[in-house]
PDB file of N, CA and C in Angstrom:
ATOM      1  N   MET A   1       0.841  -1.176   0.000  1.00  0.00           N
ATOM      2  CA  MET A   1       0.000   0.000   0.000  1.00  0.00           C
ATOM      3  C   MET A   1       0.891   1.247   0.000  1.00  0.00           C
ATOM      4  N   PRO A   2       0.611   2.233  -0.876  1.00  0.00           N
ATOM      5  CA  PRO A   2       1.442   3.443  -0.928  1.00  0.00           C
ATOM      6  C   PRO A   2       1.315   4.249   0.362  1.00  0.00           C
ATOM      7  N   ARG A   3       2.407   4.899   0.698  1.00  0.00           N
ATOM      8  CA  ARG A   3       2.435   5.727   1.899  1.00  0.00           C
ATOM      9  C   ARG A   3       1.560   6.962   1.698  1.00  0.00           C
ATOM     10  N   LYS A   4       0.803   7.324   2.712  1.00  0.00           N
ATOM     11  CA  LYS A   4      -0.064   8.495   2.661  1.00  0.00           C
ATOM     12  C   LYS A   4       0.784   9.766   2.735  1.00  0.00           C
ATOM     13  N   HIS A   5       0.466  10.747   1.883  1.00  0.00           N
ATOM     14  CA  HIS A   5       1.210  12.010   1.858  1.00  0.00           C
ATOM     15  C   HIS A   5       0.914  12.806   3.131  1.00  0.00           C
ATOM     16  N   HIS A   6       1.945  13.396   3.689  1.00  0.00           N
ATOM     17  CA  HIS A   6       1.805  14.194   4.902  1.00  0.00           C
ATOM     18  C   HIS A   6       2.386  15.584   4.638  1.00  0.00           C
ATOM     19  N   PRO A   7       1.692  16.670   5.078  1.00  0.00           N
ATOM     20  CA  PRO A   7       2.201  18.037   4.832  1.00  0.00           C
ATOM     21  C   PRO A   7       3.614  18.271   5.359  1.00  0.00           C
ATOM     22  N   ALA A   8       3.996  17.587   6.423  1.00  0.00           N
ATOM     23  CA  ALA A   8       5.348  17.754   6.957  1.00  0.00           C
ATOM     24  C   ALA A   8       6.394  17.321   5.933  1.00  0.00           C
ATOM     25  N   ASP A   9       6.030  16.355   5.075  1.00  0.00           N
ATOM     26  CA  ASP A   9       6.951  15.927   4.017  1.00  0.00           C
ATOM     27  C   ASP A   9       7.289  17.094   3.091  1.00  0.00           C
ATOM     28  N   ASP A  10       6.287  17.928   2.800  1.00  0.00           N
ATOM     29  CA  ASP A  10       6.509  19.100   1.949  1.00  0.00           C
ATOM     30  C   ASP A  10       7.477  20.074   2.613  1.00  0.00           C
ATOM     31  N   SER A  11       7.300  20.299   3.920  1.00  0.00           N
ATOM     32  CA  SER A  11       8.181  21.219   4.637  1.00  0.00           C
ATOM     33  C   SER A  11       9.611  20.725   4.640  1.00  0.00           C
ATOM     34  N   VAL A  12       9.800  19.439   4.886  1.00  0.00           N
ATOM     35  CA  VAL A  12      11.154  18.880   4.892  1.00  0.00           C
ATOM     36  C   VAL A  12      11.787  19.028   3.512  1.00  0.00           C
ATOM     37  N   ALA A  13      11.020  18.758   2.464  1.00  0.00           N
ATOM     38  CA  ALA A  13      11.540  18.884   1.097  1.00  0.00           C
ATOM     39  C   ALA A  13      11.909  20.335   0.797  1.00  0.00           C
ATOM     40  N   LEU A  14      11.083  21.286   1.226  1.00  0.00           N
ATOM     41  CA  LEU A  14      11.376  22.701   0.987  1.00  0.00           C
ATOM     42  C   LEU A  14      12.603  23.158   1.775  1.00  0.00           C
ATOM     43  N   ILE A  15      12.720  22.692   3.004  1.00  0.00           N
ATOM     44  CA  ILE A  15      13.893  23.050   3.815  1.00  0.00           C
ATOM     45  C   ILE A  15      15.152  22.506   3.155  1.00  0.00           C
ATOM     46  N   ARG A  16      15.116  21.246   2.762  1.00  0.00           N
ATOM     47  CA  ARG A  16      16.272  20.626   2.105  1.00  0.00           C
ATOM     48  C   ARG A  16      16.640  21.387   0.829  1.00  0.00           C
ATOM     49  N   ARG A  17      15.645  21.757   0.033  1.00  0.00           N
ATOM     50  CA  ARG A  17      15.894  22.498  -1.210  1.00  0.00           C
ATOM     51  C   ARG A  17      16.532  23.851  -0.914  1.00  0.00           C
ATOM     52  N   ALA A  18      15.995  24.561   0.084  1.00  0.00           N
ATOM     53  CA  ALA A  18      16.530  25.879   0.443  1.00  0.00           C
ATOM     54  C   ALA A  18      17.977  25.766   0.905  1.00  0.00           C
ATOM     55  N   LEU A  19      18.280  24.751   1.700  1.00  0.00           N
ATOM     56  CA  LEU A  19      19.647  24.580   2.182  1.00  0.00           C
ATOM     57  C   LEU A  19      20.601  24.214   1.049  1.00  0.00           C
ATOM     58  N   ARG A  20      20.132  23.434   0.102  1.00  0.00           N
ATOM     59  CA  ARG A  20      20.977  23.053  -1.040  1.00  0.00           C
ATOM     60  C   ARG A  20      21.201  24.243  -1.986  1.00  0.00           C
ATOM     61  N   LEU A  21      20.298  25.230  -1.978  1.00  0.00           N
ATOM     62  CA  LEU A  21      20.498  26.446  -2.778  1.00  0.00           C
ATOM     63  C   LEU A  21      21.586  27.330  -2.183  1.00  0.00           C
ATOM     64  N   CYS A  22      21.806  27.193  -0.898  1.00  0.00           N
ATOM     65  CA  CYS A  22      22.771  28.021  -0.183  1.00  0.00           C
ATOM     66  C   CYS A  22      24.191  27.553  -0.518  1.00  0.00           C
ATOM     67  N   PRO A  23      25.018  28.410  -1.121  1.00  0.00           N
ATOM     68  CA  PRO A  23      26.378  28.004  -1.491  1.00  0.00           C
ATOM     69  C   PRO A  23      27.188  27.431  -0.322  1.00  0.00           C
ATOM     70  N   LEU A  24      26.947  27.930   0.875  1.00  0.00           N
ATOM     71  CA  LEU A  24      27.671  27.445   2.040  1.00  0.00           C
ATOM     72  C   LEU A  24      27.371  25.971   2.325  1.00  0.00           C
ATOM     73  N   MET A  25      26.148  25.523   2.031  1.00  0.00           N
ATOM     74  CA  MET A  25      25.732  24.162   2.372  1.00  0.00           C
ATOM     75  C   MET A  25      25.534  23.254   1.162  1.00  0.00           C
ATOM     76  N   ARG A  26      25.714  23.789  -0.011  1.00  0.00           N
ATOM     77  CA  ARG A  26      25.420  23.067  -1.250  1.00  0.00           C
ATOM     78  C   ARG A  26      26.094  21.702  -1.336  1.00  0.00           C
ATOM     79  N   HIS A  27      27.329  21.593  -0.874  1.00  0.00           N
ATOM     80  CA  HIS A  27      28.087  20.355  -1.026  1.00  0.00           C
ATOM     81  C   HIS A  27      28.264  19.584   0.281  1.00  0.00           C
ATOM     82  N   TRP A  28      27.473  19.930   1.289  1.00  0.00           N
ATOM     83  CA  TRP A  28      27.566  19.197   2.537  1.00  0.00           C
ATOM     84  C   TRP A  28      27.103  17.760   2.319  1.00  0.00           C
ATOM     85  N   PRO A  29      27.682  16.803   3.030  1.00  0.00           N
ATOM     86  CA  PRO A  29      27.220  15.410   2.928  1.00  0.00           C
ATOM     87  C   PRO A  29      25.757  15.288   3.380  1.00  0.00           C
ATOM     88  N   ASP A  30      25.039  14.361   2.788  1.00  0.00           N
ATOM     89  CA  ASP A  30      23.618  14.181   3.104  1.00  0.00           C
ATOM     90  C   ASP A  30      23.369  13.961   4.594  1.00  0.00           C
ATOM     91  N   ASP A  31      24.218  13.172   5.259  1.00  0.00           N
ATOM     92  CA  ASP A  31      23.982  12.894   6.680  1.00  0.00           C
ATOM     93  C   ASP A  31      24.133  14.154   7.536  1.00  0.00           C
ATOM     94  N   VAL A  32      25.050  15.028   7.168  1.00  0.00           N
ATOM     95  CA  VAL A  32      25.219  16.289   7.899  1.00  0.00           C
ATOM     96  C   VAL A  32      24.027  17.201   7.628  1.00  0.00           C
ATOM     97  N   LEU A  33      23.609  17.290   6.372  1.00  0.00           N
ATOM     98  CA  LEU A  33      22.453  18.110   6.028  1.00  0.00           C
ATOM     99  C   LEU A  33      21.190  17.585   6.722  1.00  0.00           C
ATOM    100  N   ASP A  34      21.072  16.267   6.846  1.00  0.00           N
ATOM    101  CA  ASP A  34      19.927  15.668   7.546  1.00  0.00           C
ATOM    102  C   ASP A  34      19.838  16.169   8.985  1.00  0.00           C
ATOM    103  N   GLU A  35      20.982  16.343   9.646  1.00  0.00           N
ATOM    104  CA  GLU A  35      20.995  16.846  11.025  1.00  0.00           C
ATOM    105  C   GLU A  35      20.476  18.279  11.088  1.00  0.00           C
ATOM    106  N   VAL A  36      20.861  19.088  10.126  1.00  0.00           N
ATOM    107  CA  VAL A  36      20.393  20.482  10.085  1.00  0.00           C
ATOM    108  C   VAL A  36      18.895  20.517   9.783  1.00  0.00           C
ATOM    109  N   VAL A  37      18.456  19.732   8.806  1.00  0.00           N
ATOM    110  CA  VAL A  37      17.041  19.682   8.437  1.00  0.00           C
ATOM    111  C   VAL A  37      16.190  19.266   9.642  1.00  0.00           C
ATOM    112  N   ALA A  38      16.703  18.360  10.452  1.00  0.00           N
ATOM    113  CA  ALA A  38      15.953  17.857  11.602  1.00  0.00           C
ATOM    114  C   ALA A  38      15.661  18.939  12.647  1.00  0.00           C
ATOM    115  N   VAL A  39      16.497  19.962  12.739  1.00  0.00           N
ATOM    116  CA  VAL A  39      16.290  21.008  13.748  1.00  0.00           C
ATOM    117  C   VAL A  39      15.822  22.330  13.141  1.00  0.00           C
ATOM    118  N   ALA A  40      15.728  22.369  11.817  1.00  0.00           N
ATOM    119  CA  ALA A  40      15.277  23.597  11.142  1.00  0.00           C
ATOM    120  C   ALA A  40      13.756  23.586  11.023  1.00  0.00           C
ATOM    121  N   ARG A  41      13.214  24.735  10.700  1.00  0.00           N
ATOM    122  CA  ARG A  41      11.780  24.845  10.466  1.00  0.00           C
ATOM    123  C   ARG A  41      11.551  25.830   9.325  1.00  0.00           C
ATOM    124  N   LEU A  42      10.356  25.841   8.814  1.00  0.00           N
ATOM    125  CA  LEU A  42      10.000  26.717   7.699  1.00  0.00           C
ATOM    126  C   LEU A  42       9.056  27.779   8.222  1.00  0.00           C
ATOM    127  N   ARG A  43       9.332  29.036   7.916  1.00  0.00           N
ATOM    128  CA  ARG A  43       8.473  30.136   8.365  1.00  0.00           C
ATOM    129  C   ARG A  43       8.168  31.043   7.187  1.00  0.00           C
ATOM    130  N   ARG A  44       6.902  31.423   7.071  1.00  0.00           N
ATOM    131  CA  ARG A  44       6.475  32.351   6.019  1.00  0.00           C
ATOM    132  C   ARG A  44       6.166  33.699   6.653  1.00  0.00           C
ATOM    133  N   TYR A  45       6.594  34.764   5.974  1.00  0.00           N
ATOM    134  CA  TYR A  45       6.397  36.111   6.491  1.00  0.00           C
ATOM    135  C   TYR A  45       5.825  37.006   5.401  1.00  0.00           C
ATOM    136  N   ASP A  46       4.957  37.913   5.810  1.00  0.00           N
ATOM    137  CA  ASP A  46       4.392  38.902   4.895  1.00  0.00           C
ATOM    138  C   ASP A  46       5.347  40.079   4.739  1.00  0.00           C
ATOM    139  N   LYS A  47       5.133  40.831   3.677  1.00  0.00           N
ATOM    140  CA  LYS A  47       5.923  42.029   3.394  1.00  0.00           C
ATOM    141  C   LYS A  47       5.905  42.974   4.592  1.00  0.00           C
ATOM    142  N   ARG A  48       7.060  43.568   4.851  1.00  0.00           N
ATOM    143  CA  ARG A  48       7.280  44.556   5.919  1.00  0.00           C
ATOM    144  C   ARG A  48       7.244  43.973   7.330  1.00  0.00           C
ATOM    145  N   THR A  49       7.327  42.661   7.464  1.00  0.00           N
ATOM    146  CA  THR A  49       7.369  42.054   8.794  1.00  0.00           C
ATOM    147  C   THR A  49       8.761  42.245   9.391  1.00  0.00           C
ATOM    148  N   PRO A  50       8.844  42.882  10.570  1.00  0.00           N
ATOM    149  CA  PRO A  50      10.156  43.013  11.222  1.00  0.00           C
ATOM    150  C   PRO A  50      10.494  41.724  11.974  1.00  0.00           C
ATOM    151  N   LEU A  51      11.763  41.335  11.944  1.00  0.00           N
ATOM    152  CA  LEU A  51      12.225  40.144  12.654  1.00  0.00           C
ATOM    153  C   LEU A  51      13.375  40.512  13.579  1.00  0.00           C
ATOM    154  N   MET A  52      13.392  39.954  14.751  1.00  0.00           N
ATOM    155  CA  MET A  52      14.455  40.138  15.744  1.00  0.00           C
ATOM    156  C   MET A  52      14.626  41.586  16.187  1.00  0.00           C
ATOM    157  N   VAL A  53      13.603  42.377  16.075  1.00  0.00           N
ATOM    158  CA  VAL A  53      13.660  43.760  16.563  1.00  0.00           C
ATOM    159  C   VAL A  53      13.620  43.706  18.091  1.00  0.00           C
ATOM    160  N   GLY A  54      14.565  44.338  18.726  1.00  0.00           N
ATOM    161  CA  GLY A  54      14.606  44.352  20.181  1.00  0.00           C
ATOM    162  C   GLY A  54      15.045  43.023  20.790  1.00  0.00           C
ATOM    163  N   GLU A  55      15.528  42.111  19.977  1.00  0.00           N
ATOM    164  CA  GLU A  55      15.987  40.807  20.473  1.00  0.00           C
ATOM    165  C   GLU A  55      17.484  40.689  20.216  1.00  0.00           C
ATOM    166  N   ARG A  56      18.229  41.538  20.837  1.00  0.00           N
ATOM    167  CA  ARG A  56      19.664  41.624  20.563  1.00  0.00           C
ATOM    168  C   ARG A  56      20.432  40.380  20.969  1.00  0.00           C
ATOM    169  N   SER A  57      19.875  39.573  21.856  1.00  0.00           N
ATOM    170  CA  SER A  57      20.594  38.366  22.272  1.00  0.00           C
ATOM    171  C   SER A  57      20.105  37.114  21.542  1.00  0.00           C
ATOM    172  N   ARG A  58      19.122  37.251  20.680  1.00  0.00           N
ATOM    173  CA  ARG A  58      18.580  36.082  19.963  1.00  0.00           C
ATOM    174  C   ARG A  58      19.629  35.491  19.033  1.00  0.00           C
ATOM    175  N   ARG A  59      19.840  34.194  19.156  1.00  0.00           N
ATOM    176  CA  ARG A  59      20.831  33.480  18.361  1.00  0.00           C
ATOM    177  C   ARG A  59      20.107  32.600  17.360  1.00  0.00           C
ATOM    178  N   GLU A  60      20.137  33.003  16.104  1.00  0.00           N
ATOM    179  CA  GLU A  60      19.449  32.242  15.074  1.00  0.00           C
ATOM    180  C   GLU A  60      20.075  32.523  13.716  1.00  0.00           C
ATOM    181  N   VAL A  61      20.278  31.473  12.939  1.00  0.00           N
ATOM    182  CA  VAL A  61      20.775  31.589  11.570  1.00  0.00           C
ATOM    183  C   VAL A  61      19.572  31.484  10.649  1.00  0.00           C
ATOM    184  N   LEU A  62      19.535  32.292   9.593  1.00  0.00           N
ATOM    185  CA  LEU A  62      18.426  32.280   8.654  1.00  0.00           C
ATOM    186  C   LEU A  62      18.922  31.975   7.241  1.00  0.00           C
ATOM    187  N   VAL A  63      18.211  31.109   6.546  1.00  0.00           N
ATOM    188  CA  VAL A  63      18.454  30.869   5.130  1.00  0.00           C
ATOM    189  C   VAL A  63      17.212  31.340   4.400  1.00  0.00           C
ATOM    190  N   VAL A  64      17.382  32.203   3.412  1.00  0.00           N
ATOM    191  CA  VAL A  64      16.249  32.707   2.634  1.00  0.00           C
ATOM    192  C   VAL A  64      15.892  31.652   1.593  1.00  0.00           C
ATOM    193  N   ALA A  65      14.666  31.121   1.688  1.00  0.00           N
ATOM    194  CA  ALA A  65      14.189  30.119   0.731  1.00  0.00           C
ATOM    195  C   ALA A  65      13.545  30.812  -0.468  1.00  0.00           C
ATOM    196  N   SER A  66      12.813  31.891  -0.216  1.00  0.00           N
ATOM    197  CA  SER A  66      12.211  32.685  -1.284  1.00  0.00           C
ATOM    198  C   SER A  66      11.950  34.079  -0.751  1.00  0.00           C
ATOM    199  N   GLY A  67      11.788  35.021  -1.658  1.00  0.00           N
ATOM    200  CA  GLY A  67      11.515  36.402  -1.251  1.00  0.00           C
ATOM    201  C   GLY A  67      12.779  37.208  -1.062  1.00  0.00           C
ATOM    202  N   ARG A  68      12.694  38.234  -0.217  1.00  0.00           N
ATOM    203  CA  ARG A  68      13.808  39.146  -0.007  1.00  0.00           C
ATOM    204  C   ARG A  68      13.793  39.606   1.443  1.00  0.00           C
ATOM    205  N   LEU A  69      14.974  39.646   2.051  1.00  0.00           N
ATOM    206  CA  LEU A  69      15.125  40.032   3.448  1.00  0.00           C
ATOM    207  C   LEU A  69      16.156  41.144   3.551  1.00  0.00           C
ATOM    208  N   ALA A  70      15.822  42.200   4.278  1.00  0.00           N
ATOM    209  CA  ALA A  70      16.757  43.308   4.487  1.00  0.00           C
ATOM    210  C   ALA A  70      17.333  43.230   5.894  1.00  0.00           C
ATOM    211  N   VAL A  71      18.616  43.567   6.012  1.00  0.00           N
ATOM    212  CA  VAL A  71      19.255  43.734   7.310  1.00  0.00           C
ATOM    213  C   VAL A  71      19.280  45.230   7.558  1.00  0.00           C
ATOM    214  N   GLU A  72      18.632  45.654   8.634  1.00  0.00           N
ATOM    215  CA  GLU A  72      18.514  47.092   8.929  1.00  0.00           C
ATOM    216  C   GLU A  72      19.060  47.393  10.314  1.00  0.00           C
ATOM    217  N   GLY A  73      19.349  48.650  10.515  1.00  0.00           N
ATOM    218  CA  GLY A  73      19.793  49.127  11.809  1.00  0.00           C
ATOM    219  C   GLY A  73      19.326  50.552  12.026  1.00  0.00           C
ATOM    220  N   VAL A  74      19.614  51.082  13.203  1.00  0.00           N
ATOM    221  CA  VAL A  74      19.282  52.466  13.541  1.00  0.00           C
ATOM    222  C   VAL A  74      20.548  53.085  14.119  1.00  0.00           C
ATOM    223  N   ASP A  75      20.948  54.226  13.562  1.00  0.00           N
ATOM    224  CA  ASP A  75      22.179  54.847  14.047  1.00  0.00           C
ATOM    225  C   ASP A  75      21.928  55.626  15.340  1.00  0.00           C
ATOM    226  N   ALA A  76      22.980  56.228  15.888  1.00  0.00           N
ATOM    227  CA  ALA A  76      22.890  56.949  17.157  1.00  0.00           C
ATOM    228  C   ALA A  76      21.903  58.102  17.109  1.00  0.00           C
ATOM    229  N   ALA A  77      21.676  58.651  15.916  1.00  0.00           N
ATOM    230  CA  ALA A  77      20.733  59.764  15.762  1.00  0.00           C
ATOM    231  C   ALA A  77      19.300  59.264  15.569  1.00  0.00           C
ATOM    232  N   GLY A  78      19.109  57.949  15.545  1.00  0.00           N
ATOM    233  CA  GLY A  78      17.771  57.392  15.383  1.00  0.00           C
ATOM    234  C   GLY A  78      17.344  57.212  13.936  1.00  0.00           C
ATOM    235  N   VAL A  79      18.282  57.348  13.006  1.00  0.00           N
ATOM    236  CA  VAL A  79      17.973  57.204  11.588  1.00  0.00           C
ATOM    237  C   VAL A  79      18.117  55.734  11.185  1.00  0.00           C
ATOM    238  N   ARG A  80      17.065  55.210  10.581  1.00  0.00           N
ATOM    239  CA  ARG A  80      17.087  53.819  10.124  1.00  0.00           C
ATOM    240  C   ARG A  80      17.874  53.707   8.820  1.00  0.00           C
ATOM    241  N   PHE A  81      18.636  52.617   8.661  1.00  0.00           N
ATOM    242  CA  PHE A  81      19.408  52.413   7.436  1.00  0.00           C
ATOM    243  C   PHE A  81      19.407  50.933   7.077  1.00  0.00           C
ATOM    244  N   VAL A  82      19.613  50.651   5.786  1.00  0.00           N
ATOM    245  CA  VAL A  82      19.680  49.276   5.293  1.00  0.00           C
ATOM    246  C   VAL A  82      21.150  48.904   5.116  1.00  0.00           C
ATOM    247  N   LEU A  83      21.554  47.824   5.761  1.00  0.00           N
ATOM    248  CA  LEU A  83      22.926  47.325   5.624  1.00  0.00           C
ATOM    249  C   LEU A  83      23.082  46.442   4.393  1.00  0.00           C
ATOM    250  N   SER A  84      22.084  45.577   4.156  1.00  0.00           N
ATOM    251  CA  SER A  84      22.171  44.657   3.019  1.00  0.00           C
ATOM    252  C   SER A  84      20.811  44.052   2.710  1.00  0.00           C
ATOM    253  N   LEU A  85      20.696  43.517   1.493  1.00  0.00           N
ATOM    254  CA  LEU A  85      19.494  42.802   1.056  1.00  0.00           C
ATOM    255  C   LEU A  85      19.904  41.381   0.689  1.00  0.00           C
ATOM    256  N   HIS A  86      19.034  40.414   1.013  1.00  0.00           N
ATOM    257  CA  HIS A  86      19.353  39.007   0.760  1.00  0.00           C
ATOM    258  C   HIS A  86      18.180  38.308   0.106  1.00  0.00           C
ATOM    259  N   GLY A  87      18.492  37.407  -0.847  1.00  0.00           N
ATOM    260  CA  GLY A  87      17.472  36.661  -1.569  1.00  0.00           C
ATOM    261  C   GLY A  87      17.657  35.164  -1.421  1.00  0.00           C
ATOM    262  N   PRO A  88      16.919  34.397  -2.210  1.00  0.00           N
ATOM    263  CA  PRO A  88      16.949  32.941  -2.110  1.00  0.00           C
ATOM    264  C   PRO A  88      18.368  32.357  -2.190  1.00  0.00           C
ATOM    265  N   GLY A  89      18.614  31.410  -1.299  1.00  0.00           N
ATOM    266  CA  GLY A  89      19.898  30.737  -1.265  1.00  0.00           C
ATOM    267  C   GLY A  89      20.933  31.421  -0.393  1.00  0.00           C
ATOM    268  N   GLU A  90      20.598  32.575   0.156  1.00  0.00           N
ATOM    269  CA  GLU A  90      21.568  33.286   0.983  1.00  0.00           C
ATOM    270  C   GLU A  90      21.327  32.981   2.456  1.00  0.00           C
ATOM    271  N   ILE A  91      22.425  32.861   3.174  1.00  0.00           N
ATOM    272  CA  ILE A  91      22.374  32.629   4.613  1.00  0.00           C
ATOM    273  C   ILE A  91      22.754  33.934   5.300  1.00  0.00           C
ATOM    274  N   VAL A  92      21.990  34.300   6.309  1.00  0.00           N
ATOM    275  CA  VAL A  92      22.266  35.535   7.046  1.00  0.00           C
ATOM    276  C   VAL A  92      22.295  35.227   8.531  1.00  0.00           C
ATOM    277  N   SER A  93      22.911  36.098   9.272  1.00  0.00           N
ATOM    278  CA  SER A  93      22.891  36.040  10.715  1.00  0.00           C
ATOM    279  C   SER A  93      23.886  35.056  11.320  1.00  0.00           C
ATOM    280  N   LEU A  94      24.855  34.585  10.546  1.00  0.00           N
ATOM    281  CA  LEU A  94      25.859  33.678  11.117  1.00  0.00           C
ATOM    282  C   LEU A  94      26.595  34.312  12.293  1.00  0.00           C
ATOM    283  N   VAL A  95      26.812  35.616  12.220  1.00  0.00           N
ATOM    284  CA  VAL A  95      27.529  36.311  13.279  1.00  0.00           C
ATOM    285  C   VAL A  95      26.777  36.214  14.609  1.00  0.00           C
ATOM    286  N   ARG A  96      25.477  35.967  14.550  1.00  0.00           N
ATOM    287  CA  ARG A  96      24.691  35.835  15.781  1.00  0.00           C
ATOM    288  C   ARG A  96      25.033  34.570  16.569  1.00  0.00           C
ATOM    289  N   MET A  97      25.836  33.696  15.992  1.00  0.00           N
ATOM    290  CA  MET A  97      26.259  32.504  16.723  1.00  0.00           C
ATOM    291  C   MET A  97      27.410  32.812  17.675  1.00  0.00           C
ATOM    292  N   LEU A  98      28.000  34.009  17.540  1.00  0.00           N
ATOM    293  CA  LEU A  98      29.071  34.414  18.445  1.00  0.00           C
ATOM    294  C   LEU A  98      28.483  34.739  19.814  1.00  0.00           C
ATOM    295  N   GLY A  99      29.134  34.298  20.848  1.00  0.00           N
ATOM    296  CA  GLY A  99      28.659  34.577  22.204  1.00  0.00           C
ATOM    297  C   GLY A  99      29.084  35.952  22.676  1.00  0.00           C
ATOM    298  N   ASN A 100      28.424  36.427  23.719  1.00  0.00           N
ATOM    299  CA  ASN A 100      28.770  37.697  24.365  1.00  0.00           C
ATOM    300  C   ASN A 100      28.828  38.872  23.403  1.00  0.00           C
ATOM    301  N   THR A 101      27.934  38.882  22.425  1.00  0.00           N
ATOM    302  CA  THR A 101      27.898  39.963  21.444  1.00  0.00           C
ATOM    303  C   THR A 101      26.499  40.550  21.419  1.00  0.00           C
ATOM    304  N   CYS A 102      26.422  41.872  21.384  1.00  0.00           N
ATOM    305  CA  CYS A 102      25.137  42.563  21.314  1.00  0.00           C
ATOM    306  C   CYS A 102      24.990  43.138  19.908  1.00  0.00           C
ATOM    307  N   PHE A 103      23.865  42.882  19.281  1.00  0.00           N
ATOM    308  CA  PHE A 103      23.670  43.296  17.898  1.00  0.00           C
ATOM    309  C   PHE A 103      22.747  44.504  17.819  1.00  0.00           C
ATOM    310  N   VAL A 104      23.071  45.407  16.898  1.00  0.00           N
ATOM    311  CA  VAL A 104      22.285  46.631  16.749  1.00  0.00           C
ATOM    312  C   VAL A 104      21.485  46.616  15.455  1.00  0.00           C
ATOM    313  N   TYR A 105      21.337  45.463  14.859  1.00  0.00           N
ATOM    314  CA  TYR A 105      20.580  45.367  13.627  1.00  0.00           C
ATOM    315  C   TYR A 105      19.465  44.336  13.777  1.00  0.00           C
ATOM    316  N   HIS A 106      18.534  44.388  12.853  1.00  0.00           N
ATOM    317  CA  HIS A 106      17.424  43.440  12.811  1.00  0.00           C
ATOM    318  C   HIS A 106      17.095  43.186  11.344  1.00  0.00           C
ATOM    319  N   PHE A 107      16.078  42.412  11.097  1.00  0.00           N
ATOM    320  CA  PHE A 107      15.700  42.048   9.735  1.00  0.00           C
ATOM    321  C   PHE A 107      14.296  42.535   9.439  1.00  0.00           C
ATOM    322  N   VAL A 108      14.060  42.907   8.177  1.00  0.00           N
ATOM    323  CA  VAL A 108      12.735  43.315   7.732  1.00  0.00           C
ATOM    324  C   VAL A 108      12.456  42.613   6.409  1.00  0.00           C
ATOM    325  N   VAL A 109      11.323  41.950   6.336  1.00  0.00           N
ATOM    326  CA  VAL A 109      10.922  41.253   5.119  1.00  0.00           C
ATOM    327  C   VAL A 109      10.540  42.291   4.078  1.00  0.00           C
ATOM    328  N   GLN A 110      11.125  42.202   2.878  1.00  0.00           N
ATOM    329  CA  GLN A 110      10.881  43.169   1.813  1.00  0.00           C
ATOM    330  C   GLN A 110       9.739  42.772   0.890  1.00  0.00           C
ATOM    331  N   GLU A 111       9.428  41.488   0.819  1.00  0.00           N
ATOM    332  CA  GLU A 111       8.309  40.969   0.034  1.00  0.00           C
ATOM    333  C   GLU A 111       7.928  39.648   0.686  1.00  0.00           C
ATOM    334  N   GLY A 112       6.841  39.028   0.272  1.00  0.00           N
ATOM    335  CA  GLY A 112       6.478  37.739   0.847  1.00  0.00           C
ATOM    336  C   GLY A 112       7.685  36.825   0.845  1.00  0.00           C
ATOM    337  N   THR A 113       8.064  36.312   2.011  1.00  0.00           N
ATOM    338  CA  THR A 113       9.328  35.604   2.147  1.00  0.00           C
ATOM    339  C   THR A 113       9.159  34.323   2.955  1.00  0.00           C
ATOM    340  N   VAL A 114       9.904  33.298   2.559  1.00  0.00           N
ATOM    341  CA  VAL A 114       9.970  32.053   3.316  1.00  0.00           C
ATOM    342  C   VAL A 114      11.398  31.906   3.811  1.00  0.00           C
ATOM    343  N   LEU A 115      11.551  31.675   5.117  1.00  0.00           N
ATOM    344  CA  LEU A 115      12.863  31.520   5.734  1.00  0.00           C
ATOM    345  C   LEU A 115      12.988  30.158   6.387  1.00  0.00           C
ATOM    346  N   VAL A 116      14.208  29.683   6.461  1.00  0.00           N
ATOM    347  CA  VAL A 116      14.522  28.471   7.198  1.00  0.00           C
ATOM    348  C   VAL A 116      15.395  28.903   8.372  1.00  0.00           C
ATOM    349  N   PRO A 117      14.779  29.130   9.549  1.00  0.00           N
ATOM    350  CA  PRO A 117      15.583  29.499  10.716  1.00  0.00           C
ATOM    351  C   PRO A 117      16.126  28.252  11.410  1.00  0.00           C
ATOM    352  N   ARG A 118      17.290  28.399  11.977  1.00  0.00           N
ATOM    353  CA  ARG A 118      17.903  27.342  12.772  1.00  0.00           C
ATOM    354  C   ARG A 118      18.408  27.994  14.037  1.00  0.00           C
ATOM    355  N   ALA A 119      17.791  27.665  15.153  1.00  0.00           N
ATOM    356  CA  ALA A 119      18.174  28.253  16.435  1.00  0.00           C
ATOM    357  C   ALA A 119      19.544  27.781  16.861  1.00  0.00           C
ATOM    358  N   GLY A 120      20.261  28.673  17.495  1.00  0.00           N
ATOM    359  CA  GLY A 120      21.568  28.331  18.026  1.00  0.00           C
ATOM    360  C   GLY A 120      21.498  28.264  19.534  1.00  0.00           C
ATOM    361  N   ARG A 121      22.656  28.354  20.146  1.00  0.00           N
ATOM    362  CA  ARG A 121      22.717  28.345  21.603  1.00  0.00           C
ATOM    363  C   ARG A 121      22.167  29.660  22.152  1.00  0.00           C
ATOM    364  N   SER A 122      21.435  29.586  23.253  1.00  0.00           N
ATOM    365  CA  SER A 122      20.888  30.803  23.882  1.00  0.00           C
ATOM    366  C   SER A 122      21.899  31.430  24.800  1.00  0.00           C
TER     367      SER A 122
END
């Protein structure tokens, strides 16, 4: 009897595809990628959704599966600025894995976006 399709199968396939699009992970061995897929999740965000605002200690790596993500900050005068824009296959926030570091930037979704976040150590 054929196996019944489960929506979680779609999420795992999308996460795996997004990670394989990322140049950093493109050639990782399947068993190593399986470990990352097991702890990753898929999140969809609407345009202009702010992420990690006011969460300077949040440790999370993001892979953009689709859409566009901006890295923004606010200078000492209170002026908002864009540091960079990221699209599908790009990994952002690796620096957040460093301990004892306070970050002054956050992320803002520029269009409908799907991300694969992977939590790090708190």
